[in-house]
Amino acid sequence: MRIGLLTEGGYPFVSGEAGLWCDRLVRGLEQHEFDVYALSRSERQEDAGWVPLPSHVSRVRTASLWEVEDDGLGYGRRARRRFAECYGELAATLCTTTPGAPSGAPEEASALEADRFANALYGLAELARDEGGLPGALRSDTAVRALERACRAPGAHRSARGARVPDLLAVAARLERALRPLSLDWYEDDGLGAVDLCHAASGGTAALPGLLARHLADVPLLVTEYGVRLRTHYLTEPDSPPAIRSLLAAFHGRLAAEAYRRAAVITPGNTHARRWQERCGADRAKLRTVHPGMDAAPFSEVARSPECADPHTLVWVGRVEPAKDLVSLLHAFAEVRRAEPAARLRIVGAPTGPEGEAYLAHCKGLAAQLFPDEADGPHAVGRNPVTFEETGGPELPSRAEAYASGALVVLSSVVEGFPAGLVEAMFCGRATVSTDAGAVVEAIGGTGLVVPPRNPRALAEACVALLRDPERRERLGAAARARALELFTVEQNITAFHGIYLEILSRTPVRRVVLDDTGEPLPFAAPAEAHVPGRWSDPTSRVVARGGPGWATDAPVRATAPATATEGAR
């Protein structure tokens, strides 16, 4: 079948956060044809180029979410009135009670608000298709005034009523970027209208092209989320003014609810994401939990050589940022050192951005304060029991080597989605001590110790208990590796999505009609086995979209030529 893969800030860009998962999915499903529709988040990401693409990726189309677009088009009076009505309706739905929050409103009222948001969204999309120029309209004074009227209208919630002009300008700018896919030319019969299935690799803006393909061409939609966008908004916007935070949260909640309502199947990556999806209105009957697939091969050698680990060393591996709570880990390690003076802690990871660099400097200062350098004698050079390192050097060439260096892997996060680093440690056969954040408990499943977050004493007690019991560490490590190989490999992920693709297609009405040599439709010309790889039908038969003219028997013309890996690399 032909899959339209929708991404935002990920595949096929080299620096994409979700690039590895999508790349493994595409390569594992080589029996299908993929068209990739990618939204980029930054100029740096675009300059990094693409990953090498397999031959069954027939097309890649990209669009920017970071550039300020100036289409130079102006609306006439009728189009301006049409835009004001649609945008005003959308703004009004954002000023009611935030989706997902307990409001006490009856179910009928919630359904009406959902329909109102959907009608406004698709109205803007149809306006963009008919008139063009939507980016400029979304940044116009008309949009800002519509937001202001909605915030001042009776029934608007308190935080919206307190919005000031700078808040309204900020919200309008953010909505323009989020709604930019409405203006793209991806939805014609030779684009997303021609695919058998749209697979959104994340929610939010990435799902918008799938919603429009569903609305305009009746293409079924599959939504995969390893982190729910509404939750991400709450975590990344804690210091924004209340009006901006609440209006954007309402938008993300409304958009998520619409995507869940229109999707044929929703695949959360873990139970934690599934609970957020249910809170945003996802139907439980559509949910299929599919854990992310990870490559276990780089960690196999470590698992076969457990004797290489230092029995006194604790290892932490990840991105250095405040959410990882290394401060609590350092205080916990101070307790560990009192009980086990020979213990060592290796913190392996690089900071992310200026905030991460400042946090790393703070942690290094705290480590120097808590643990003065120790020397074996009066003439020896002292060293600190806590080291801060990065992979890629001679001592730690890879993450597998980092996990191999210690007998115990520690995770101290207060905020966590799916703990990929923890699963890597499980592949290595290492015992783990983790805080109860995100999907940690679901990933560990009883094969490691879990303590409350921001509790250094509990973290220290768990670490000491395993440092003093090597047999228990070995049992937990073996059980952790067996669990990871059963649930979190690339193979199980690919098998699950292949089955879901076939399930969706089997329940989707036929959207194409096969024409014979005279241009007349052939009944029963596209049987079920036509979706199996290979040529089952008469090569002289032609396929056109339902509703196309009888004389349109030539092969469809692509808007862009198929992209190859060499064309995408920069």
Protein backbone atom coordinates (compact mmCIF):
# COMPACT_ATOMS: atom_id res chain seq x y z
CA MET A 1 0.00 0.00 0.00
CA ARG A 2 1.00 3.64 -0.28
CA ILE A 3 1.58 5.38 3.07
CA GLY A 4 1.72 9.14 3.57
CA LEU A 5 4.08 9.56 6.56
CA LEU A 6 3.54 12.92 8.30
CA THR A 7 6.31 14.26 10.54
CA GLU A 8 7.14 17.45 12.40
CA GLY A 9 10.76 18.15 13.28
CA GLY A 10 11.74 14.53 12.62
CA TYR A 11 12.28 12.15 9.72
CA PRO A 12 13.85 12.55 7.20
CA PHE A 13 15.95 15.31 8.77
CA VAL A 14 19.20 14.18 10.36
CA SER A 15 18.59 16.14 13.57
CA GLY A 16 15.00 15.05 14.03
CA GLU A 17 13.96 13.91 17.49
CA ALA A 18 11.77 11.12 16.13
CA GLY A 19 13.94 10.43 13.10
CA LEU A 20 15.38 7.14 14.28
CA TRP A 21 11.99 5.61 15.03
CA CYS A 22 10.55 6.64 11.65
CA ASP A 23 13.65 5.48 9.79
CA ARG A 24 13.42 2.03 11.38
CA LEU A 25 9.71 1.85 10.59
CA VAL A 26 10.16 2.78 6.93
CA ARG A 27 13.09 0.41 6.42
CA GLY A 28 11.29 -2.42 8.16
CA LEU A 29 8.17 -2.08 5.98
CA GLU A 30 9.89 -2.24 2.62
CA GLN A 31 6.90 -4.01 1.08
CA HIS A 32 4.99 -0.70 1.22
CA GLU A 33 5.58 2.57 -0.63
CA PHE A 34 6.11 5.69 1.48
CA ASP A 35 5.54 9.35 0.67
CA VAL A 36 7.06 11.56 3.38
CA TYR A 37 5.53 14.95 4.20
CA ALA A 38 7.82 16.68 6.67
CA LEU A 39 7.48 19.94 8.62
CA SER A 40 10.82 21.46 9.71
CA ARG A 41 11.24 23.41 12.94
CA SER A 42 14.44 25.38 12.35
CA GLU A 43 16.93 26.50 9.74
CA ARG A 44 19.62 24.49 11.51
CA GLN A 45 17.56 21.34 11.07
CA GLU A 46 17.13 21.93 7.35
CA ASP A 47 20.83 22.69 6.87
CA ALA A 48 21.74 19.35 8.48
CA GLY A 49 20.15 17.58 5.51
CA TRP A 50 18.38 14.23 5.32
CA VAL A 51 19.23 10.75 6.40
CA PRO A 52 19.85 8.27 3.55
CA LEU A 53 16.46 7.18 2.22
CA PRO A 54 15.55 3.65 1.10
CA SER A 55 14.34 3.08 -2.45
CA HIS A 56 10.69 2.60 -1.50
CA VAL A 57 10.45 6.23 -0.30
CA SER A 58 9.10 7.59 -3.55
CA ARG A 59 8.58 11.23 -2.59
CA VAL A 60 9.60 13.73 0.08
CA ARG A 61 7.90 17.09 0.41
CA THR A 62 8.91 19.57 3.09
CA ALA A 63 7.52 22.80 4.52
CA SER A 64 8.91 25.23 7.06
CA LEU A 65 7.34 26.12 10.40
CA TRP A 66 10.06 28.59 11.37
CA GLU A 67 10.24 31.02 8.44
CA VAL A 68 8.02 34.10 8.39
CA GLU A 69 6.19 33.70 5.11
CA ASP A 70 5.02 36.66 3.04
CA ASP A 71 2.87 35.38 0.20
CA GLY A 72 2.11 38.90 -1.00
CA LEU A 73 -1.54 38.05 -1.56
CA GLY A 74 -4.43 40.14 -0.32
CA TYR A 75 -8.03 39.10 0.18
CA GLY A 76 -11.00 40.77 -1.38
CA ARG A 77 -13.98 41.88 0.68
CA ARG A 78 -15.82 38.56 0.46
CA ALA A 79 -12.72 36.52 1.33
CA ARG A 80 -11.92 38.82 4.28
CA ARG A 81 -15.43 38.37 5.63
CA ARG A 82 -15.15 34.62 5.21
CA PHE A 83 -11.80 34.57 7.04
CA ALA A 84 -13.10 36.73 9.89
CA GLU A 85 -16.06 34.39 10.42
CA CYS A 86 -13.96 31.21 10.46
CA TYR A 87 -11.14 32.63 12.58
CA GLY A 88 -13.60 34.24 14.97
CA GLU A 89 -15.34 30.90 15.48
CA LEU A 90 -12.01 29.19 16.13
CA ALA A 91 -10.96 31.88 18.61
CA ALA A 92 -14.29 31.62 20.41
CA THR A 93 -13.77 27.89 21.05
CA LEU A 94 -10.39 28.64 22.61
CA CYS A 95 -11.89 31.04 25.13
CA THR A 96 -14.30 28.52 26.61
CA THR A 97 -13.20 26.01 29.24
CA THR A 98 -9.91 24.38 28.30
CA PRO A 99 -10.42 20.86 26.90
CA GLY A 100 -9.42 18.17 29.36
CA ALA A 101 -10.19 20.30 32.40
CA PRO A 102 -13.22 19.47 34.55
CA SER A 103 -15.81 22.05 33.60
CA GLY A 104 -19.11 20.52 34.54
CA ALA A 105 -20.46 21.18 31.05
CA PRO A 106 -22.86 18.58 29.67
CA GLU A 107 -21.59 16.15 27.05
CA GLU A 108 -23.85 17.66 24.38
CA ALA A 109 -22.31 21.10 24.90
CA SER A 110 -18.79 19.65 24.61
CA ALA A 111 -19.72 17.92 21.35
CA LEU A 112 -21.11 21.17 19.98
CA GLU A 113 -17.90 23.01 20.85
CA ALA A 114 -15.86 20.26 19.18
CA ASP A 115 -17.95 20.55 16.02
CA ARG A 116 -17.63 24.32 16.13
CA PHE A 117 -13.82 24.09 16.30
CA ALA A 118 -13.74 21.52 13.48
CA ASN A 119 -15.99 23.59 11.21
CA ALA A 120 -13.82 26.66 11.76
CA LEU A 121 -10.62 24.69 11.11
CA TYR A 122 -11.87 23.13 7.88
CA GLY A 123 -13.41 26.45 6.84
CA LEU A 124 -9.95 28.05 7.03
CA ALA A 125 -8.48 25.15 5.04
CA GLU A 126 -11.08 25.53 2.29
CA LEU A 127 -10.49 29.27 2.23
CA ALA A 128 -6.76 28.67 1.78
CA ARG A 129 -7.47 26.23 -1.06
CA ASP A 130 -9.81 28.68 -2.81
CA GLU A 131 -8.05 31.99 -2.22
CA GLY A 132 -4.51 31.33 -0.96
CA GLY A 133 -2.71 33.85 1.22
CA LEU A 134 -3.69 32.34 4.58
CA PRO A 135 -0.36 32.99 6.41
CA GLY A 136 -0.72 36.73 5.92
CA ALA A 137 -4.35 36.67 7.04
CA LEU A 138 -3.45 34.72 10.20
CA ARG A 139 -0.97 37.47 11.16
CA SER A 140 -3.29 40.33 10.24
CA ASP A 141 -5.07 42.85 12.46
CA THR A 142 -8.30 41.02 11.65
CA ALA A 143 -7.00 37.90 13.41
CA VAL A 144 -5.85 39.86 16.48
CA ARG A 145 -9.17 41.70 16.73
CA ALA A 146 -11.05 38.39 16.45
CA LEU A 147 -9.00 37.00 19.34
CA GLU A 148 -9.66 40.12 21.40
CA ARG A 149 -13.44 39.91 20.80
CA ALA A 150 -13.45 36.26 21.80
CA CYS A 151 -11.52 36.97 25.00
CA ARG A 152 -13.88 39.83 25.97
CA ALA A 153 -17.07 37.94 25.08
CA PRO A 154 -19.45 36.72 27.82
CA GLY A 155 -18.60 33.18 28.90
CA ALA A 156 -14.86 33.45 28.27
CA HIS A 157 -12.79 31.93 31.07
CA ARG A 158 -10.93 34.16 33.50
CA SER A 159 -7.41 33.77 32.08
CA ALA A 160 -8.65 34.66 28.56
CA ARG A 161 -10.42 37.76 29.84
CA GLY A 162 -7.12 38.96 31.28
CA ALA A 163 -5.30 38.85 27.92
CA ARG A 164 -3.47 42.05 27.01
CA VAL A 165 -2.46 43.23 23.55
CA PRO A 166 1.07 41.70 23.74
CA ASP A 167 -0.54 38.41 24.79
CA LEU A 168 -2.94 38.50 21.85
CA LEU A 169 -0.11 39.24 19.41
CA ALA A 170 1.94 36.35 20.79
CA VAL A 171 -1.00 33.94 20.57
CA ALA A 172 -1.81 35.02 17.00
CA ALA A 173 1.81 34.44 15.95
CA ARG A 174 1.87 30.99 17.54
CA LEU A 175 -1.43 30.02 15.96
CA GLU A 176 -0.18 31.14 12.55
CA ARG A 177 2.76 28.73 12.78
CA ALA A 178 0.59 25.90 14.07
CA LEU A 179 -1.98 26.42 11.29
CA ARG A 180 0.55 26.81 8.49
CA PRO A 181 -0.18 23.30 7.07
CA LEU A 182 -3.65 24.60 6.11
CA SER A 183 -2.01 26.63 3.32
CA LEU A 184 0.09 23.83 1.80
CA ASP A 185 -0.55 22.32 -1.61
CA TRP A 186 -0.26 18.74 -0.35
CA TYR A 187 -3.89 17.69 -0.64
CA GLU A 188 -4.48 17.26 -4.36
CA ASP A 189 -5.16 13.98 -6.14
CA ASP A 190 -1.46 13.56 -6.88
CA GLY A 191 -0.49 14.28 -3.25
CA LEU A 192 -2.03 13.09 -0.02
CA GLY A 193 -5.29 12.53 -1.87
CA ALA A 194 -3.63 9.59 -3.65
CA VAL A 195 -2.25 7.69 -0.63
CA ASP A 196 -4.01 4.72 0.93
CA LEU A 197 -3.30 5.81 4.51
CA CYS A 198 -1.95 8.86 6.33
CA HIS A 199 0.29 8.02 9.30
CA ALA A 200 1.01 11.00 11.56
CA ALA A 201 4.21 10.27 13.50
CA SER A 202 3.14 12.71 16.23
CA GLY A 203 0.10 14.69 17.24
CA GLY A 204 -0.39 18.44 17.01
CA THR A 205 0.66 20.23 13.84
CA ALA A 206 1.92 17.01 12.21
CA ALA A 207 -1.60 15.57 12.33
CA LEU A 208 -3.13 18.58 10.54
CA PRO A 209 -2.24 17.40 7.00
CA GLY A 210 -3.78 14.03 7.86
CA LEU A 211 -6.96 15.72 9.08
CA LEU A 212 -7.25 17.68 5.84
CA ALA A 213 -6.61 14.58 3.73
CA ARG A 214 -9.34 12.87 5.75
CA HIS A 215 -11.70 15.81 5.26
CA LEU A 216 -10.99 16.54 1.58
CA ALA A 217 -10.24 13.07 0.15
CA ASP A 218 -11.55 10.65 2.81
CA VAL A 219 -8.07 9.17 3.38
CA PRO A 220 -7.95 7.16 6.66
CA LEU A 221 -5.71 8.56 9.40
CA LEU A 222 -3.44 6.79 11.91
CA VAL A 223 -2.04 8.90 14.77
CA THR A 224 1.03 7.75 16.72
CA GLU A 225 2.11 9.65 19.84
CA TYR A 226 4.99 8.91 22.15
CA GLY A 227 4.48 12.26 23.86
CA VAL A 228 1.15 14.11 23.89
CA ARG A 229 1.46 17.70 22.63
CA LEU A 230 -0.84 19.13 25.31
CA ARG A 231 1.35 17.64 28.05
CA THR A 232 4.45 19.01 26.33
CA HIS A 233 2.85 22.47 26.26
CA TYR A 234 2.23 22.38 30.01
CA LEU A 235 5.83 21.32 30.65
CA THR A 236 7.49 23.85 28.33
CA GLU A 237 5.34 26.92 29.03
CA PRO A 238 5.39 27.22 32.84
CA ASP A 239 6.57 30.85 32.85
CA SER A 240 4.30 32.21 30.10
CA PRO A 241 1.53 34.67 31.05
CA PRO A 242 -1.70 32.89 32.05
CA ALA A 243 -3.61 34.13 28.99
CA ILE A 244 -1.03 32.80 26.52
CA ARG A 245 -0.71 29.51 28.37
CA SER A 246 -4.46 28.89 28.59
CA LEU A 247 -5.31 29.91 25.00
CA LEU A 248 -2.56 27.76 23.51
CA ALA A 249 -3.47 24.86 25.80
CA ALA A 250 -7.05 25.15 24.58
CA PHE A 251 -5.87 25.07 20.97
CA HIS A 252 -3.68 22.00 21.48
CA GLY A 253 -6.49 20.28 23.37
CA ARG A 254 -9.09 21.05 20.70
CA LEU A 255 -6.75 19.97 17.89
CA ALA A 256 -5.88 16.73 19.71
CA ALA A 257 -9.56 15.96 20.30
CA GLU A 258 -10.34 16.49 16.60
CA ALA A 259 -7.42 14.29 15.52
CA TYR A 260 -8.55 11.53 17.90
CA ARG A 261 -12.13 11.82 16.69
CA ARG A 262 -11.22 11.53 13.00
CA ALA A 263 -8.44 8.94 13.33
CA ALA A 264 -9.19 5.34 12.43
CA VAL A 265 -6.67 4.08 15.02
CA ILE A 266 -4.59 5.85 17.68
CA THR A 267 -1.34 4.25 18.83
CA PRO A 268 0.11 5.67 22.06
CA GLY A 269 3.65 4.60 22.81
CA ASN A 270 2.92 3.85 26.47
CA THR A 271 0.18 3.82 29.07
CA HIS A 272 1.17 7.28 30.32
CA ALA A 273 0.51 8.80 26.88
CA ARG A 274 -2.67 6.73 26.61
CA ARG A 275 -4.10 8.29 29.77
CA TRP A 276 -3.46 11.78 28.37
CA GLN A 277 -5.14 10.83 25.12
CA GLU A 278 -8.21 9.53 26.94
CA ARG A 279 -8.40 12.77 28.91
CA CYS A 280 -8.34 14.69 25.62
CA GLY A 281 -11.31 12.69 24.32
CA ALA A 282 -9.78 9.67 22.58
CA ASP A 283 -12.16 6.72 22.18
CA ARG A 284 -10.77 3.67 24.00
CA ALA A 285 -11.94 1.42 21.17
CA LYS A 286 -9.47 3.14 18.82
CA LEU A 287 -6.43 2.89 21.10
CA ARG A 288 -3.65 0.37 20.48
CA THR A 289 -0.54 0.70 22.63
CA VAL A 290 2.59 0.17 20.50
CA HIS A 291 5.86 0.55 22.36
CA PRO A 292 8.68 2.29 20.46
CA GLY A 293 11.06 -0.04 18.69
CA MET A 294 14.72 0.25 19.63
CA ASP A 295 17.79 -1.45 18.18
CA ALA A 296 19.14 -3.96 20.70
CA ALA A 297 22.19 -4.98 18.63
CA PRO A 298 24.63 -2.26 19.90
CA PHE A 299 24.05 -3.41 23.48
CA SER A 300 24.32 -7.17 22.99
CA GLU A 301 28.08 -7.35 23.60
CA VAL A 302 27.69 -5.57 26.94
CA ALA A 303 24.96 -8.00 27.99
CA ARG A 304 27.25 -10.95 27.20
CA SER A 305 30.10 -9.51 29.32
CA PRO A 306 28.67 -8.55 32.71
CA GLU A 307 32.05 -9.07 34.39
CA CYS A 308 33.42 -5.87 32.81
CA ALA A 309 31.31 -3.70 35.12
CA ASP A 310 32.86 -2.04 38.17
CA PRO A 311 30.81 -3.36 41.13
CA HIS A 312 31.12 -0.02 42.96
CA THR A 313 30.14 2.32 40.11
CA LEU A 314 26.75 3.94 39.50
CA VAL A 315 26.03 5.29 36.00
CA TRP A 316 23.61 7.98 34.86
CA VAL A 317 23.17 8.49 31.08
CA GLY A 318 21.01 11.10 29.37
CA ARG A 319 20.58 14.74 28.39
CA VAL A 320 21.70 17.20 31.06
CA GLU A 321 18.70 19.41 31.85
CA PRO A 322 16.73 20.44 34.96
CA ALA A 323 13.98 17.86 34.34
CA LYS A 324 16.55 15.09 34.96
CA ASP A 325 17.03 16.36 38.55
CA LEU A 326 20.74 15.67 38.87
CA VAL A 327 20.75 17.78 42.03
CA SER A 328 18.68 15.15 43.84
CA LEU A 329 20.95 12.45 42.40
CA LEU A 330 24.05 14.17 43.81
CA HIS A 331 22.47 14.52 47.26
CA ALA A 332 21.42 10.86 47.09
CA PHE A 333 24.96 9.86 46.16
CA ALA A 334 26.23 11.69 49.24
CA GLU A 335 24.09 9.29 51.31
CA VAL A 336 25.41 6.35 49.26
CA ARG A 337 29.00 7.38 49.98
CA ARG A 338 28.39 7.39 53.71
CA ALA A 339 27.19 3.79 53.50
CA GLU A 340 29.60 2.65 50.75
CA PRO A 341 32.81 4.77 50.75
CA ALA A 342 34.15 3.03 47.63
CA ALA A 343 31.16 4.03 45.48
CA ARG A 344 31.66 6.11 42.34
CA LEU A 345 29.17 8.01 40.15
CA ARG A 346 29.61 8.60 36.42
CA ILE A 347 27.28 11.20 34.88
CA VAL A 348 27.39 10.72 31.11
CA GLY A 349 25.61 13.20 28.88
CA ALA A 350 25.71 16.56 27.12
CA PRO A 351 23.71 19.67 28.00
CA THR A 352 20.84 20.85 25.79
CA GLY A 353 20.95 24.57 25.04
CA PRO A 354 21.98 27.45 27.30
CA GLU A 355 19.69 26.29 30.10
CA GLY A 356 21.31 22.85 30.05
CA GLU A 357 24.82 24.34 30.08
CA ALA A 358 23.97 26.51 33.08
CA TYR A 359 22.46 23.50 34.85
CA LEU A 360 25.56 21.40 34.14
CA ALA A 361 27.79 24.12 35.60
CA HIS A 362 25.59 24.25 38.71
CA CYS A 363 25.78 20.46 39.13
CA LYS A 364 29.57 20.46 38.76
CA GLY A 365 29.81 23.13 41.44
CA LEU A 366 27.53 21.15 43.74
CA ALA A 367 29.59 17.98 43.18
CA ALA A 368 32.80 19.84 44.05
CA GLN A 369 31.16 21.13 47.22
CA LEU A 370 29.69 17.78 48.33
CA PHE A 371 32.68 15.64 47.36
CA PRO A 372 36.12 17.23 47.76
CA ASP A 373 38.86 15.63 45.68
CA GLU A 374 40.29 12.53 47.31
CA ALA A 375 43.92 11.35 47.08
CA ASP A 376 45.38 7.97 48.00
CA GLY A 377 48.42 9.55 49.68
CA PRO A 378 50.08 12.87 50.47
CA HIS A 379 51.93 12.95 47.14
CA ALA A 380 49.11 11.65 44.91
CA VAL A 381 46.76 13.76 42.81
CA GLY A 382 43.22 13.78 44.19
CA ARG A 383 40.16 12.92 42.18
CA ASN A 384 36.45 13.43 42.68
CA PRO A 385 34.17 10.37 43.11
CA VAL A 386 31.70 12.08 40.71
CA THR A 387 32.74 12.50 37.08
CA PHE A 388 30.95 14.37 34.27
CA GLU A 389 31.63 12.86 30.86
CA GLU A 390 30.33 12.68 27.29
CA THR A 391 30.28 9.79 24.87
CA GLY A 392 32.46 9.84 21.78
CA GLY A 393 35.85 9.98 23.51
CA PRO A 394 38.43 7.21 23.91
CA GLU A 395 37.14 6.12 27.33
CA LEU A 396 33.43 6.10 26.39
CA PRO A 397 33.09 5.74 22.62
CA SER A 398 29.39 4.83 22.82
CA ARG A 399 26.41 4.74 25.14
CA ALA A 400 26.81 0.97 25.40
CA GLU A 401 30.30 1.49 26.85
CA ALA A 402 28.84 3.92 29.37
CA TYR A 403 26.31 1.38 30.61
CA ALA A 404 28.99 -1.32 30.62
CA SER A 405 31.22 0.66 32.99
CA GLY A 406 28.87 0.40 35.97
CA ALA A 407 27.05 -2.28 37.91
CA LEU A 408 23.98 -0.11 38.46
CA VAL A 409 22.17 2.41 36.22
CA VAL A 410 20.29 5.27 37.88
CA LEU A 411 17.50 7.52 36.56
CA SER A 412 16.49 10.51 38.69
CA SER A 413 14.03 12.42 36.47
CA VAL A 414 11.03 14.36 37.73
CA VAL A 415 9.59 14.60 34.18
CA GLU A 416 9.91 11.75 31.73
CA GLY A 417 8.05 10.49 28.69
CA PHE A 418 9.15 7.07 27.50
CA PRO A 419 12.53 6.36 29.19
CA ALA A 420 14.60 5.30 26.18
CA GLY A 421 17.83 5.41 28.18
CA LEU A 422 16.36 3.06 30.75
CA VAL A 423 15.43 0.58 28.01
CA GLU A 424 19.00 0.77 26.69
CA ALA A 425 20.25 -0.16 30.16
CA MET A 426 17.79 -3.07 30.17
CA PHE A 427 19.18 -4.25 26.81
CA CYS A 428 22.61 -4.23 28.49
CA GLY A 429 21.34 -6.47 31.28
CA ARG A 430 21.95 -3.87 33.98
CA ALA A 431 19.95 -3.52 37.18
CA THR A 432 18.28 -0.11 37.50
CA VAL A 433 17.06 2.31 40.16
CA SER A 434 14.57 4.85 38.83
CA THR A 435 12.18 7.55 39.95
CA ASP A 436 8.47 7.09 39.27
CA ALA A 437 8.07 9.54 36.38
CA GLY A 438 6.26 9.17 33.06
CA ALA A 439 6.27 5.62 31.69
CA VAL A 440 9.11 4.37 33.92
CA VAL A 441 7.02 1.83 35.83
CA GLU A 442 5.52 0.51 32.60
CA ALA A 443 8.97 0.08 31.04
CA ILE A 444 10.58 -1.50 34.10
CA GLY A 445 7.69 -3.81 34.93
CA GLY A 446 9.18 -5.14 38.18
CA THR A 447 12.70 -5.71 36.85
CA GLY A 448 14.19 -2.75 38.75
CA LEU A 449 13.67 -0.62 41.84
CA VAL A 450 11.42 2.46 41.59
CA VAL A 451 11.32 5.29 44.15
CA PRO A 452 9.36 8.56 44.38
CA PRO A 453 10.87 11.56 42.52
CA ARG A 454 12.64 14.31 44.46
CA ASN A 455 13.39 11.91 47.31
CA PRO A 456 17.21 11.61 47.64
CA ARG A 457 17.02 9.41 50.72
CA ALA A 458 14.79 6.80 49.05
CA LEU A 459 17.00 6.88 45.95
CA ALA A 460 20.11 6.36 48.09
CA GLU A 461 18.60 3.46 50.05
CA ALA A 462 17.63 1.64 46.84
CA CYS A 463 21.13 2.12 45.38
CA VAL A 464 22.84 0.88 48.54
CA ALA A 465 20.57 -2.17 48.68
CA LEU A 466 21.61 -3.24 45.16
CA LEU A 467 25.29 -2.34 45.58
CA ARG A 468 25.43 -4.70 48.56
CA ASP A 469 23.62 -7.55 46.80
CA PRO A 470 25.39 -8.61 43.55
CA GLU A 471 23.26 -11.71 43.12
CA ARG A 472 20.09 -9.62 43.17
CA ARG A 473 21.62 -7.19 40.67
CA GLU A 474 22.37 -10.07 38.34
CA ARG A 475 18.83 -11.47 38.59
CA LEU A 476 17.24 -8.08 37.97
CA GLY A 477 19.55 -7.37 35.05
CA ALA A 478 18.74 -10.67 33.36
CA ALA A 479 15.00 -10.14 33.85
CA ALA A 480 15.28 -6.57 32.52
CA ARG A 481 17.04 -7.71 29.35
CA ALA A 482 14.45 -10.44 28.74
CA ARG A 483 11.62 -7.91 29.15
CA ALA A 484 13.25 -5.38 26.82
CA LEU A 485 13.84 -8.00 24.12
CA GLU A 486 10.20 -9.06 24.35
CA LEU A 487 8.54 -5.62 24.27
CA PHE A 488 10.83 -2.90 22.96
CA THR A 489 12.63 -4.19 19.87
CA VAL A 490 12.35 -2.84 16.33
CA GLU A 491 10.85 -6.13 15.17
CA GLN A 492 7.83 -5.99 17.48
CA ASN A 493 7.21 -2.35 16.55
CA ILE A 494 7.28 -3.06 12.81
CA THR A 495 5.06 -6.13 13.15
CA ALA A 496 2.51 -4.17 15.14
CA PHE A 497 2.28 -1.32 12.63
CA HIS A 498 2.11 -3.68 9.66
CA GLY A 499 -0.91 -5.35 11.25
CA ILE A 500 -2.52 -2.00 12.03
CA TYR A 501 -2.04 -0.80 8.44
CA LEU A 502 -3.82 -3.89 7.12
CA GLU A 503 -6.57 -3.57 9.75
CA ILE A 504 -7.32 0.05 8.78
CA LEU A 505 -7.28 -0.71 5.08
CA SER A 506 -9.59 -3.70 5.51
CA ARG A 507 -12.19 -1.43 7.14
CA THR A 508 -11.82 1.44 4.65
CA PRO A 509 -14.27 1.78 1.75
CA VAL A 510 -12.76 1.53 -1.73
CA ARG A 511 -11.70 5.02 -2.80
CA ARG A 512 -10.55 4.18 -6.35
CA VAL A 513 -12.27 2.86 -9.43
CA VAL A 514 -10.54 0.67 -12.02
CA LEU A 515 -11.37 1.58 -15.62
CA ASP A 516 -11.19 -0.69 -18.61
CA ASP A 517 -9.92 0.25 -22.10
CA THR A 518 -13.15 2.09 -22.91
CA GLY A 519 -13.08 4.19 -19.73
CA GLU A 520 -15.89 2.27 -18.05
CA PRO A 521 -15.55 1.08 -14.43
CA LEU A 522 -14.77 -2.59 -13.83
CA PRO A 523 -16.79 -3.98 -10.90
CA PHE A 524 -14.82 -6.11 -8.43
CA ALA A 525 -11.58 -5.24 -10.27
CA ALA A 526 -9.70 -4.39 -7.07
CA PRO A 527 -10.02 -7.48 -4.85
CA ALA A 528 -8.55 -7.77 -1.36
CA GLU A 529 -5.37 -9.45 -2.63
CA ALA A 530 -4.62 -6.33 -4.69
CA HIS A 531 -3.27 -4.80 -1.49
CA VAL A 532 -0.70 -7.59 -1.15
CA PRO A 533 2.73 -6.71 -2.64
CA GLY A 534 2.99 -7.84 -6.27
CA ARG A 535 1.03 -7.37 -9.50
CA TRP A 536 -2.30 -9.19 -9.31
CA SER A 537 -4.36 -7.16 -11.76
CA ASP A 538 -4.24 -6.77 -15.52
CA PRO A 539 -1.49 -4.26 -16.34
CA THR A 540 -3.76 -2.67 -18.96
CA SER A 541 -6.27 -1.64 -16.28
CA ARG A 542 -6.03 1.91 -15.00
CA VAL A 543 -6.93 3.42 -11.66
CA VAL A 544 -8.39 6.88 -11.15
CA ALA A 545 -9.80 8.60 -8.11
CA ARG A 546 -13.52 8.16 -7.59
CA GLY A 547 -15.37 11.08 -9.11
CA GLY A 548 -12.76 11.64 -11.85
CA PRO A 549 -13.86 12.04 -15.49
CA GLY A 550 -14.23 8.95 -17.62
CA TRP A 551 -11.62 10.14 -20.11
CA ALA A 552 -8.92 10.52 -17.42
CA THR A 553 -7.24 7.18 -18.12
CA ASP A 554 -3.61 8.27 -18.20
CA ALA A 555 -1.30 7.72 -15.26
CA PRO A 556 -1.54 10.48 -12.63
CA VAL A 557 1.02 13.26 -12.85
CA ARG A 558 3.13 13.89 -9.73
CA ALA A 559 3.48 17.45 -8.47
CA THR A 560 7.14 16.84 -7.67
CA ALA A 561 9.58 14.26 -8.91
CA PRO A 562 10.40 11.40 -6.55
CA ALA A 563 13.15 12.44 -4.16
CA THR A 564 16.19 10.26 -3.58
CA ALA A 565 18.65 10.22 -0.75
CA THR A 566 21.26 12.08 -2.78
CA GLU A 567 18.77 14.80 -3.70
CA GLY A 568 17.80 15.32 -0.06
CA ALA A 569 21.30 15.38 1.41
CA ARG A 570 22.98 18.69 1.66
